[in-house]
């Protein structure tokens, strides 16, 4: 159900609610990734990494607490990484964008879950240059879980399977050849698995556009990092940005491009 069916006040209220839900999800996933990376348990009260003080509920409100505290611990004054604030804002905007694109319905829920998993993959990849296989499996399981919400679930399953297999195999063969020619690893295994899983969700035209956009984003980020930020940057965040772009905007772009080709085909 598109948001245009609702009054402006109701639509803004729903967007604000999903933004906050995204920020809450970001806060939890951020905390979980950092704790697992340090070998700590997932559950337990949040605390300041500097002084160890247990944070109160008012200090744990996503986005607003970081702004109110000016990015510092209220007890010891140690700076709190802007990663928390930025991740919460990005997650919130991501959730809101999905709601704007799909409205209320199963599709919005399916892609909200998908991009929550993909965002978790980005956080792990940026922190460790590794992505747990369980996240790829969760993205694939999400595809299967929502099959029944589509008009032709068996057709979607068939198309998703062959697109995933085709693009996954093509990328794998290309990478193996490039590795042999360049005598170095050109793409990590997690990147190949990521592309194969996304093939479940996107059709072949969307996949081609996703790879083009992902490479352009990756090149832009790499140039920035070589200009003085860092020496390396993982590829999955760039691919995730491309997937998000394609889910929200690929169809009109593809139709426009095919429209340009139509005169030449006749």
C-alpha atoms as a PDB file:
ATOM      1  CA  UNK A   1       0.000   0.000   0.000  1.00  0.00           C
ATOM      2  CA  UNK A   2       1.709   3.236  -1.150  1.00  0.00           C
ATOM      3  CA  UNK A   3       2.189   6.025   1.356  1.00  0.00           C
ATOM      4  CA  UNK A   4       0.090   8.264  -0.902  1.00  0.00           C
ATOM      5  CA  UNK A   5      -2.945   6.381   0.437  1.00  0.00           C
ATOM      6  CA  UNK A   6      -2.370   7.983   3.837  1.00  0.00           C
ATOM      7  CA  UNK A   7      -2.640  11.546   5.049  1.00  0.00           C
ATOM      8  CA  UNK A   8       0.615  13.549   5.018  1.00  0.00           C
ATOM      9  CA  UNK A   9       0.748  13.493   8.811  1.00  0.00           C
ATOM     10  CA  UNK A  10       0.309   9.711   8.927  1.00  0.00           C
ATOM     11  CA  UNK A  11       2.906   9.195   6.180  1.00  0.00           C
ATOM     12  CA  UNK A  12       5.477  11.369   7.960  1.00  0.00           C
ATOM     13  CA  UNK A  13       4.730   9.554  11.206  1.00  0.00           C
ATOM     14  CA  UNK A  14       5.351   6.163   9.569  1.00  0.00           C
ATOM     15  CA  UNK A  15       8.587   7.394   8.003  1.00  0.00           C
ATOM     16  CA  UNK A  16       9.751   8.710  11.376  1.00  0.00           C
ATOM     17  CA  UNK A  17       8.856   5.393  13.020  1.00  0.00           C
ATOM     18  CA  UNK A  18      10.774   3.285  10.496  1.00  0.00           C
ATOM     19  CA  UNK A  19      13.721   5.701  10.663  1.00  0.00           C
ATOM     20  CA  UNK A  20      13.881   5.173  14.398  1.00  0.00           C
ATOM     21  CA  UNK A  21      13.481   1.399  13.950  1.00  0.00           C
ATOM     22  CA  UNK A  22      16.441   1.447  11.554  1.00  0.00           C
ATOM     23  CA  UNK A  23      18.520   3.430  14.030  1.00  0.00           C
ATOM     24  CA  UNK A  24      17.694   0.912  16.775  1.00  0.00           C
ATOM     25  CA  UNK A  25      18.672  -1.972  14.488  1.00  0.00           C
ATOM     26  CA  UNK A  26      21.946  -0.201  13.672  1.00  0.00           C
ATOM     27  CA  UNK A  27      22.711   0.302  17.358  1.00  0.00           C
ATOM     28  CA  UNK A  28      22.209  -3.393  18.094  1.00  0.00           C
ATOM     29  CA  UNK A  29      24.140  -4.688  15.067  1.00  0.00           C
ATOM     30  CA  UNK A  30      26.990  -2.239  15.695  1.00  0.00           C
ATOM     31  CA  UNK A  31      27.262  -3.384  19.288  1.00  0.00           C
ATOM     32  CA  UNK A  32      27.017  -7.061  18.314  1.00  0.00           C
ATOM     33  CA  UNK A  33      29.734  -6.776  15.651  1.00  0.00           C
ATOM     34  CA  UNK A  34      32.157  -4.999  17.980  1.00  0.00           C
ATOM     35  CA  UNK A  35      31.552  -7.420  20.852  1.00  0.00           C
ATOM     36  CA  UNK A  36      31.970 -10.504  18.682  1.00  0.00           C
ATOM     37  CA  UNK A  37      35.139  -9.043  17.175  1.00  0.00           C
ATOM     38  CA  UNK A  38      36.529  -8.585  20.688  1.00  0.00           C
ATOM     39  CA  UNK A  39      35.446 -12.080  21.734  1.00  0.00           C
ATOM     40  CA  UNK A  40      32.779 -10.787  24.116  1.00  0.00           C
ATOM     41  CA  UNK A  41      29.234 -12.054  24.523  1.00  0.00           C
ATOM     42  CA  UNK A  42      26.452 -10.530  22.438  1.00  0.00           C
ATOM     43  CA  UNK A  43      24.114  -9.909  25.345  1.00  0.00           C
ATOM     44  CA  UNK A  44      24.706  -7.669  28.328  1.00  0.00           C
ATOM     45  CA  UNK A  45      24.367  -4.032  29.341  1.00  0.00           C
ATOM     46  CA  UNK A  46      26.052  -1.493  27.098  1.00  0.00           C
ATOM     47  CA  UNK A  47      28.978   0.340  28.644  1.00  0.00           C
ATOM     48  CA  UNK A  48      31.538   3.000  27.839  1.00  0.00           C
ATOM     49  CA  UNK A  49      34.627   1.412  26.227  1.00  0.00           C
ATOM     50  CA  UNK A  50      36.815   3.869  28.127  1.00  0.00           C
ATOM     51  CA  UNK A  51      35.687   3.833  31.768  1.00  0.00           C
ATOM     52  CA  UNK A  52      33.386   0.802  31.626  1.00  0.00           C
ATOM     53  CA  UNK A  53      30.433   2.717  33.103  1.00  0.00           C
ATOM     54  CA  UNK A  54      27.090   1.058  32.363  1.00  0.00           C
ATOM     55  CA  UNK A  55      25.053   3.340  30.131  1.00  0.00           C
ATOM     56  CA  UNK A  56      21.578   4.441  31.193  1.00  0.00           C
ATOM     57  CA  UNK A  57      18.547   4.210  28.870  1.00  0.00           C
ATOM     58  CA  UNK A  58      18.737   7.944  28.184  1.00  0.00           C
ATOM     59  CA  UNK A  59      22.324   7.477  26.976  1.00  0.00           C
ATOM     60  CA  UNK A  60      21.268   4.736  24.558  1.00  0.00           C
ATOM     61  CA  UNK A  61      18.680   6.558  22.450  1.00  0.00           C
ATOM     62  CA  UNK A  62      19.906   6.117  18.854  1.00  0.00           C
ATOM     63  CA  UNK A  63      21.144   9.283  17.102  1.00  0.00           C
ATOM     64  CA  UNK A  64      19.833  11.687  19.762  1.00  0.00           C
ATOM     65  CA  UNK A  65      22.025  10.495  22.656  1.00  0.00           C
ATOM     66  CA  UNK A  66      25.199  10.868  20.591  1.00  0.00           C
ATOM     67  CA  UNK A  67      24.192  14.393  19.591  1.00  0.00           C
ATOM     68  CA  UNK A  68      23.143  15.356  23.122  1.00  0.00           C
ATOM     69  CA  UNK A  69      26.420  14.090  24.585  1.00  0.00           C
ATOM     70  CA  UNK A  70      28.402  15.707  21.740  1.00  0.00           C
ATOM     71  CA  UNK A  71      30.061  12.417  20.963  1.00  0.00           C
ATOM     72  CA  UNK A  72      31.607  11.992  24.416  1.00  0.00           C
ATOM     73  CA  UNK A  73      31.048   9.785  27.448  1.00  0.00           C
ATOM     74  CA  UNK A  74      29.171  11.726  30.140  1.00  0.00           C
ATOM     75  CA  UNK A  75      31.278  10.133  32.893  1.00  0.00           C
ATOM     76  CA  UNK A  76      34.871  10.064  31.656  1.00  0.00           C
ATOM     77  CA  UNK A  77      34.767  12.420  28.678  1.00  0.00           C
ATOM     78  CA  UNK A  78      36.256   9.900  26.234  1.00  0.00           C
ATOM     79  CA  UNK A  79      35.176  10.405  22.655  1.00  0.00           C
ATOM     80  CA  UNK A  80      32.514   8.053  21.309  1.00  0.00           C
ATOM     81  CA  UNK A  81      33.227   7.030  17.734  1.00  0.00           C
ATOM     82  CA  UNK A  82      31.137   8.788  15.097  1.00  0.00           C
ATOM     83  CA  UNK A  83      30.649   5.313  13.617  1.00  0.00           C
ATOM     84  CA  UNK A  84      27.678   4.808  15.936  1.00  0.00           C
ATOM     85  CA  UNK A  85      25.950   8.029  14.917  1.00  0.00           C
ATOM     86  CA  UNK A  86      26.633   7.613  11.198  1.00  0.00           C
ATOM     87  CA  UNK A  87      25.524   3.969  11.153  1.00  0.00           C
ATOM     88  CA  UNK A  88      22.289   4.795  12.950  1.00  0.00           C
ATOM     89  CA  UNK A  89      21.510   7.636  10.532  1.00  0.00           C
ATOM     90  CA  UNK A  90      22.324   5.488   7.490  1.00  0.00           C
ATOM     91  CA  UNK A  91      20.192   2.585   8.713  1.00  0.00           C
ATOM     92  CA  UNK A  92      17.314   4.933   9.477  1.00  0.00           C
ATOM     93  CA  UNK A  93      17.496   6.569   6.047  1.00  0.00           C
ATOM     94  CA  UNK A  94      17.750   3.140   4.422  1.00  0.00           C
ATOM     95  CA  UNK A  95      14.603   1.901   6.153  1.00  0.00           C
ATOM     96  CA  UNK A  96      12.739   5.100   5.258  1.00  0.00           C
ATOM     97  CA  UNK A  97      13.793   4.803   1.610  1.00  0.00           C
ATOM     98  CA  UNK A  98      12.435   1.264   1.424  1.00  0.00           C
ATOM     99  CA  UNK A  99       9.110   2.375   2.869  1.00  0.00           C
ATOM    100  CA  UNK A 100       8.910   5.237   0.359  1.00  0.00           C
ATOM    101  CA  UNK A 101       9.638   2.857  -2.527  1.00  0.00           C
ATOM    102  CA  UNK A 102       7.373  -0.045  -1.600  1.00  0.00           C
ATOM    103  CA  UNK A 103       4.853   1.371   0.865  1.00  0.00           C
ATOM    104  CA  UNK A 104       3.348  -0.887   3.504  1.00  0.00           C
ATOM    105  CA  UNK A 105       3.457  -4.538   2.493  1.00  0.00           C
ATOM    106  CA  UNK A 106       5.448  -7.731   2.248  1.00  0.00           C
ATOM    107  CA  UNK A 107       7.944  -6.328  -0.262  1.00  0.00           C
ATOM    108  CA  UNK A 108       8.972  -3.560   2.142  1.00  0.00           C
ATOM    109  CA  UNK A 109       9.464  -6.088   4.926  1.00  0.00           C
ATOM    110  CA  UNK A 110      11.432  -8.472   2.687  1.00  0.00           C
ATOM    111  CA  UNK A 111      13.855  -5.790   1.552  1.00  0.00           C
ATOM    112  CA  UNK A 112      14.132  -4.277   5.007  1.00  0.00           C
ATOM    113  CA  UNK A 113      15.338  -7.622   6.319  1.00  0.00           C
ATOM    114  CA  UNK A 114      17.634  -8.091   3.316  1.00  0.00           C
ATOM    115  CA  UNK A 115      19.321  -4.720   3.675  1.00  0.00           C
ATOM    116  CA  UNK A 116      19.661  -5.159   7.425  1.00  0.00           C
ATOM    117  CA  UNK A 117      21.673  -8.312   6.695  1.00  0.00           C
ATOM    118  CA  UNK A 118      23.665  -6.576   3.957  1.00  0.00           C
ATOM    119  CA  UNK A 119      24.415  -3.645   6.258  1.00  0.00           C
ATOM    120  CA  UNK A 120      25.694  -6.102   8.860  1.00  0.00           C
ATOM    121  CA  UNK A 121      27.939  -7.602   6.166  1.00  0.00           C
ATOM    122  CA  UNK A 122      29.281  -4.115   5.413  1.00  0.00           C
ATOM    123  CA  UNK A 123      30.139  -3.493   9.070  1.00  0.00           C
ATOM    124  CA  UNK A 124      31.966  -6.818   9.363  1.00  0.00           C
ATOM    125  CA  UNK A 125      33.787  -6.318   6.066  1.00  0.00           C
ATOM    126  CA  UNK A 126      34.939  -2.809   6.954  1.00  0.00           C
ATOM    127  CA  UNK A 127      36.111  -3.898  10.404  1.00  0.00           C
ATOM    128  CA  UNK A 128      37.780  -7.223   9.601  1.00  0.00           C
ATOM    129  CA  UNK A 129      37.850  -7.684   5.789  1.00  0.00           C
ATOM    130  CA  UNK A 130      35.880 -10.873   6.444  1.00  0.00           C
ATOM    131  CA  UNK A 131      32.163 -11.691   6.366  1.00  0.00           C
ATOM    132  CA  UNK A 132      30.698 -14.616   8.338  1.00  0.00           C
ATOM    133  CA  UNK A 133      29.021 -17.151   6.030  1.00  0.00           C
ATOM    134  CA  UNK A 134      25.983 -17.119   8.300  1.00  0.00           C
ATOM    135  CA  UNK A 135      25.107 -13.646   6.967  1.00  0.00           C
ATOM    136  CA  UNK A 136      25.078 -14.888   3.359  1.00  0.00           C
ATOM    137  CA  UNK A 137      22.877 -17.775   4.486  1.00  0.00           C
ATOM    138  CA  UNK A 138      20.503 -15.382   6.250  1.00  0.00           C
ATOM    139  CA  UNK A 139      20.126 -13.333   3.060  1.00  0.00           C
ATOM    140  CA  UNK A 140      19.362 -16.509   1.089  1.00  0.00           C
ATOM    141  CA  UNK A 141      16.944 -17.733   3.763  1.00  0.00           C
ATOM    142  CA  UNK A 142      15.134 -14.386   3.621  1.00  0.00           C
ATOM    143  CA  UNK A 143      14.568 -14.931  -0.117  1.00  0.00           C
ATOM    144  CA  UNK A 144      13.012 -18.337   0.542  1.00  0.00           C
ATOM    145  CA  UNK A 145      10.971 -17.088   3.498  1.00  0.00           C
ATOM    146  CA  UNK A 146       9.164 -14.443   1.424  1.00  0.00           C
ATOM    147  CA  UNK A 147       8.642 -16.537  -1.717  1.00  0.00           C
ATOM    148  CA  UNK A 148       5.017 -17.134  -0.812  1.00  0.00           C
ATOM    149  CA  UNK A 149       4.287 -13.404  -0.763  1.00  0.00           C
ATOM    150  CA  UNK A 150       4.966 -13.079  -4.519  1.00  0.00           C
ATOM    151  CA  UNK A 151       2.325 -13.687  -7.223  1.00  0.00           C
ATOM    152  CA  UNK A 152       4.306 -16.523  -8.873  1.00  0.00           C
ATOM    153  CA  UNK A 153       6.607 -17.989  -6.212  1.00  0.00           C
ATOM    154  CA  UNK A 154       7.846 -20.912  -8.337  1.00  0.00           C
ATOM    155  CA  UNK A 155       8.750 -18.595 -11.208  1.00  0.00           C
ATOM    156  CA  UNK A 156      10.600 -16.302  -8.800  1.00  0.00           C
ATOM    157  CA  UNK A 157      12.407 -19.304  -7.330  1.00  0.00           C
ATOM    158  CA  UNK A 158      13.402 -20.559 -10.779  1.00  0.00           C
ATOM    159  CA  UNK A 159      14.558 -17.145 -11.999  1.00  0.00           C
ATOM    160  CA  UNK A 160      16.405 -16.405  -8.784  1.00  0.00           C
ATOM    161  CA  UNK A 161      18.163 -19.782  -8.818  1.00  0.00           C
ATOM    162  CA  UNK A 162      19.428 -19.467 -12.386  1.00  0.00           C
ATOM    163  CA  UNK A 163      20.426 -15.799 -12.037  1.00  0.00           C
ATOM    164  CA  UNK A 164      22.301 -16.593  -8.834  1.00  0.00           C
ATOM    165  CA  UNK A 165      23.986 -19.621 -10.378  1.00  0.00           C
ATOM    166  CA  UNK A 166      24.827 -17.852 -13.625  1.00  0.00           C
ATOM    167  CA  UNK A 167      26.308 -14.692 -12.154  1.00  0.00           C
ATOM    168  CA  UNK A 168      28.017 -16.535  -9.295  1.00  0.00           C
ATOM    169  CA  UNK A 169      29.695 -18.954 -11.709  1.00  0.00           C
ATOM    170  CA  UNK A 170      30.618 -16.201 -14.180  1.00  0.00           C
ATOM    171  CA  UNK A 171      32.224 -14.062 -11.486  1.00  0.00           C
ATOM    172  CA  UNK A 172      34.039 -17.067 -10.014  1.00  0.00           C
ATOM    173  CA  UNK A 173      35.532 -18.069 -13.379  1.00  0.00           C
ATOM    174  CA  UNK A 174      36.496 -14.464 -14.148  1.00  0.00           C
ATOM    175  CA  UNK A 175      38.193 -14.081 -10.771  1.00  0.00           C
ATOM    176  CA  UNK A 176      40.098 -17.377 -11.111  1.00  0.00           C
ATOM    177  CA  UNK A 177      41.408 -16.300 -14.527  1.00  0.00           C
ATOM    178  CA  UNK A 178      42.339 -12.835 -13.227  1.00  0.00           C
ATOM    179  CA  UNK A 179      44.092 -14.344 -10.196  1.00  0.00           C
ATOM    180  CA  UNK A 180      46.145 -16.570 -12.487  1.00  0.00           C
ATOM    181  CA  UNK A 181      47.075 -13.754 -14.869  1.00  0.00           C
ATOM    182  CA  UNK A 182      47.880 -11.157 -12.188  1.00  0.00           C
ATOM    183  CA  UNK A 183      49.377 -13.631  -9.680  1.00  0.00           C
ATOM    184  CA  UNK A 184      47.361 -12.152  -6.833  1.00  0.00           C
ATOM    185  CA  UNK A 185      43.889 -12.319  -5.321  1.00  0.00           C
ATOM    186  CA  UNK A 186      41.627  -9.986  -7.280  1.00  0.00           C
ATOM    187  CA  UNK A 187      38.378 -10.581  -5.367  1.00  0.00           C
ATOM    188  CA  UNK A 188      37.636 -12.191  -2.027  1.00  0.00           C
ATOM    189  CA  UNK A 189      35.435 -15.246  -1.634  1.00  0.00           C
ATOM    190  CA  UNK A 190      32.925 -13.248   0.410  1.00  0.00           C
ATOM    191  CA  UNK A 191      32.423 -10.865  -2.537  1.00  0.00           C
ATOM    192  CA  UNK A 192      31.656 -13.771  -4.875  1.00  0.00           C
ATOM    193  CA  UNK A 193      29.179 -15.271  -2.389  1.00  0.00           C
ATOM    194  CA  UNK A 194      27.576 -11.851  -1.974  1.00  0.00           C
ATOM    195  CA  UNK A 195      27.012 -11.497  -5.730  1.00  0.00           C
ATOM    196  CA  UNK A 196      25.593 -15.021  -5.973  1.00  0.00           C
ATOM    197  CA  UNK A 197      23.113 -14.362  -3.153  1.00  0.00           C
ATOM    198  CA  UNK A 198      21.998 -11.043  -4.653  1.00  0.00           C
ATOM    199  CA  UNK A 199      21.258 -12.932  -7.872  1.00  0.00           C
ATOM    200  CA  UNK A 200      18.323 -14.450  -6.010  1.00  0.00           C
ATOM    201  CA  UNK A 201      16.686 -11.038  -5.736  1.00  0.00           C
ATOM    202  CA  UNK A 202      17.621  -9.207  -8.951  1.00  0.00           C
ATOM    203  CA  UNK A 203      17.022 -10.155 -12.583  1.00  0.00           C
ATOM    204  CA  UNK A 204      19.862 -10.314 -15.090  1.00  0.00           C
ATOM    205  CA  UNK A 205      19.467  -6.679 -16.256  1.00  0.00           C
ATOM    206  CA  UNK A 206      19.394  -5.415 -12.674  1.00  0.00           C
ATOM    207  CA  UNK A 207      22.452  -7.531 -11.854  1.00  0.00           C
ATOM    208  CA  UNK A 208      24.428  -6.036 -14.733  1.00  0.00           C
ATOM    209  CA  UNK A 209      23.496  -2.522 -13.614  1.00  0.00           C
ATOM    210  CA  UNK A 210      24.359  -3.430 -10.013  1.00  0.00           C
ATOM    211  CA  UNK A 211      27.848  -4.613 -11.008  1.00  0.00           C
ATOM    212  CA  UNK A 212      28.449  -1.441 -13.049  1.00  0.00           C
ATOM    213  CA  UNK A 213      27.291   0.843 -10.240  1.00  0.00           C
ATOM    214  CA  UNK A 214      29.188  -1.210  -7.648  1.00  0.00           C
ATOM    215  CA  UNK A 215      32.422  -0.922  -9.624  1.00  0.00           C
ATOM    216  CA  UNK A 216      31.945   2.838 -10.109  1.00  0.00           C
ATOM    217  CA  UNK A 217      31.304   3.324  -6.389  1.00  0.00           C
ATOM    218  CA  UNK A 218      34.284   1.097  -5.562  1.00  0.00           C
ATOM    219  CA  UNK A 219      36.562   3.044  -7.897  1.00  0.00           C
ATOM    220  CA  UNK A 220      35.447   6.343  -6.396  1.00  0.00           C
ATOM    221  CA  UNK A 221      36.010   5.116  -2.845  1.00  0.00           C
ATOM    222  CA  UNK A 222      39.396   3.621  -3.765  1.00  0.00           C
ATOM    223  CA  UNK A 223      40.558   6.899  -5.287  1.00  0.00           C
ATOM    224  CA  UNK A 224      39.555   8.719  -2.139  1.00  0.00           C
ATOM    225  CA  UNK A 225      41.354   6.246   0.088  1.00  0.00           C
ATOM    226  CA  UNK A 226      44.516   6.369  -1.976  1.00  0.00           C
ATOM    227  CA  UNK A 227      44.373  10.170  -1.776  1.00  0.00           C
ATOM    228  CA  UNK A 228      45.037   9.965   1.934  1.00  0.00           C
ATOM    229  CA  UNK A 229      42.325   8.093   3.834  1.00  0.00           C
ATOM    230  CA  UNK A 230      43.454   4.467   3.956  1.00  0.00           C
ATOM    231  CA  UNK A 231      45.286   1.917   1.842  1.00  0.00           C
ATOM    232  CA  UNK A 232      42.412  -0.484   1.269  1.00  0.00           C
ATOM    233  CA  UNK A 233      38.641  -0.605   1.395  1.00  0.00           C
ATOM    234  CA  UNK A 234      36.447  -3.715   1.157  1.00  0.00           C
ATOM    235  CA  UNK A 235      34.201  -4.206  -1.875  1.00  0.00           C
ATOM    236  CA  UNK A 236      30.978  -5.390  -0.213  1.00  0.00           C
ATOM    237  CA  UNK A 237      29.979  -1.888   1.005  1.00  0.00           C
ATOM    238  CA  UNK A 238      30.240  -0.605  -2.582  1.00  0.00           C
ATOM    239  CA  UNK A 239      28.210  -3.549  -3.867  1.00  0.00           C
ATOM    240  CA  UNK A 240      25.614  -3.020  -1.141  1.00  0.00           C
ATOM    241  CA  UNK A 241      25.170   0.618  -2.155  1.00  0.00           C
ATOM    242  CA  UNK A 242      24.701  -0.579  -5.737  1.00  0.00           C
ATOM    243  CA  UNK A 243      22.123  -3.196  -4.691  1.00  0.00           C
ATOM    244  CA  UNK A 244      20.157  -0.596  -2.741  1.00  0.00           C
ATOM    245  CA  UNK A 245      20.247   1.753  -5.717  1.00  0.00           C
ATOM    246  CA  UNK A 246      19.051  -0.987  -8.084  1.00  0.00           C
ATOM    247  CA  UNK A 247      16.220  -2.160  -5.844  1.00  0.00           C
ATOM    248  CA  UNK A 248      14.900   1.388  -5.555  1.00  0.00           C
ATOM    249  CA  UNK A 249      15.674   2.801  -9.006  1.00  0.00           C
ATOM    250  CA  UNK A 250      16.913   0.198 -11.519  1.00  0.00           C
ATOM    251  CA  UNK A 251      13.676  -0.440 -13.432  1.00  0.00           C
ATOM    252  CA  UNK A 252      13.145   3.076 -14.876  1.00  0.00           C
ATOM    253  CA  UNK A 253      16.835   3.283 -15.821  1.00  0.00           C
ATOM    254  CA  UNK A 254      16.722  -0.099 -17.583  1.00  0.00           C
ATOM    255  CA  UNK A 255      13.499   0.828 -19.393  1.00  0.00           C
ATOM    256  CA  UNK A 256      15.077   4.108 -20.518  1.00  0.00           C
ATOM    257  CA  UNK A 257      18.151   2.292 -21.831  1.00  0.00           C
ATOM    258  CA  UNK A 258      16.097  -0.349 -23.643  1.00  0.00           C
ATOM    259  CA  UNK A 259      14.044   2.483 -25.153  1.00  0.00           C
ATOM    260  CA  UNK A 260      17.239   3.924 -26.628  1.00  0.00           C
ATOM    261  CA  UNK A 261      18.077   0.549 -28.171  1.00  0.00           C
ATOM    262  CA  UNK A 262      14.619  -0.101 -29.598  1.00  0.00           C
ATOM    263  CA  UNK A 263      15.041   1.996 -32.797  1.00  0.00           C
ATOM    264  CA  UNK A 264      18.317   0.217 -33.561  1.00  0.00           C
ATOM    265  CA  UNK A 265      16.680  -3.196 -33.180  1.00  0.00           C
ATOM    266  CA  UNK A 266      14.019  -2.476 -35.789  1.00  0.00           C
END
